[in-house]
């Protein structure tokens, strides 16, 4: 069977100015040999991300997950004057579900299945590209995709489709560390953007359709060492395990593939969980199946679940 290939284009629109840009019909901008320059992204900047509307420093824009931009240059009076400033064509197959980050004029875009591209946000020229090598026989549901990266200091963090967490030098794309979060051969995958809180990076897993037991992990941002793991299905030593029939908890799904949010005042992370498995037939997992299809409030320092 012949494979169908598709190209996805990242478009940038703006009110016309005198600034140089790529126009429709013009050749794409040449790769940029310069090293991107930006101020280190501190935890303080992340906590006050709304004060930098010209940037987009995390997956949801701020820790509250509001995904609201405070930019006001585009309004009812001038939206009809928008013109394309540049276009960057992604090489990826499958879906494009990424939310780009923008850090002081540098844009970080992910493409399927597990690639990162650094662009000049003003011109669309490419600084660097990182392609993560993947096994050929991966198990995953619902299309190959990657939803974005996280940034702290001058490091990027990305989840991969083969259930790895990778740290990259944000200025060069060089790999700083690469840790296996879970064994992809057992059905685990990762597609969500990580969440940075303090000196820890939180990430979830996908694979609820393949008999996994979901969890949320936290890693040290510098070393990649695992700090704690919270299973989203309680084990047999917990009373809530009784909400799963027999041993169905071992393969009950409850994945954690979407990025959570954070309340700094309460020091709580809020993370959603997905479907129990099998998802269409609950006969083999009779019960309330805690903590699938839920929101978990978690202490990011300890991994303790405060409530659900």
Foldseek 3Di string as FASTA:
>chain_A
DDDDFDKDKDWDKDQDDPDAEDAPPRDADAADQDWDDFFFAALVCQQVQQVCLVWQQDLQSHQVSPVDGPDDPDDPVCVVRMHIRHMDMDRAGKDQQEDWTGGPQWIWGAWPQWKIWIARNRYRHTHDIDDDDDDPDFDDPDIHAAHYWHHGGQWIWGFGQQQKIWIARNRHRHTQDIGHRDGRVQQKGAHEYWDDDHQKIKGWIARQQRQAFTWIWIAGNRPRHTDDIGTQFDDPVDPSNVQWPDPLNRRFAFTFHYYWGADPVVQWIKTATAATPPRPDCPRTHGPRGPHRHIFIANPNHRDTPDD
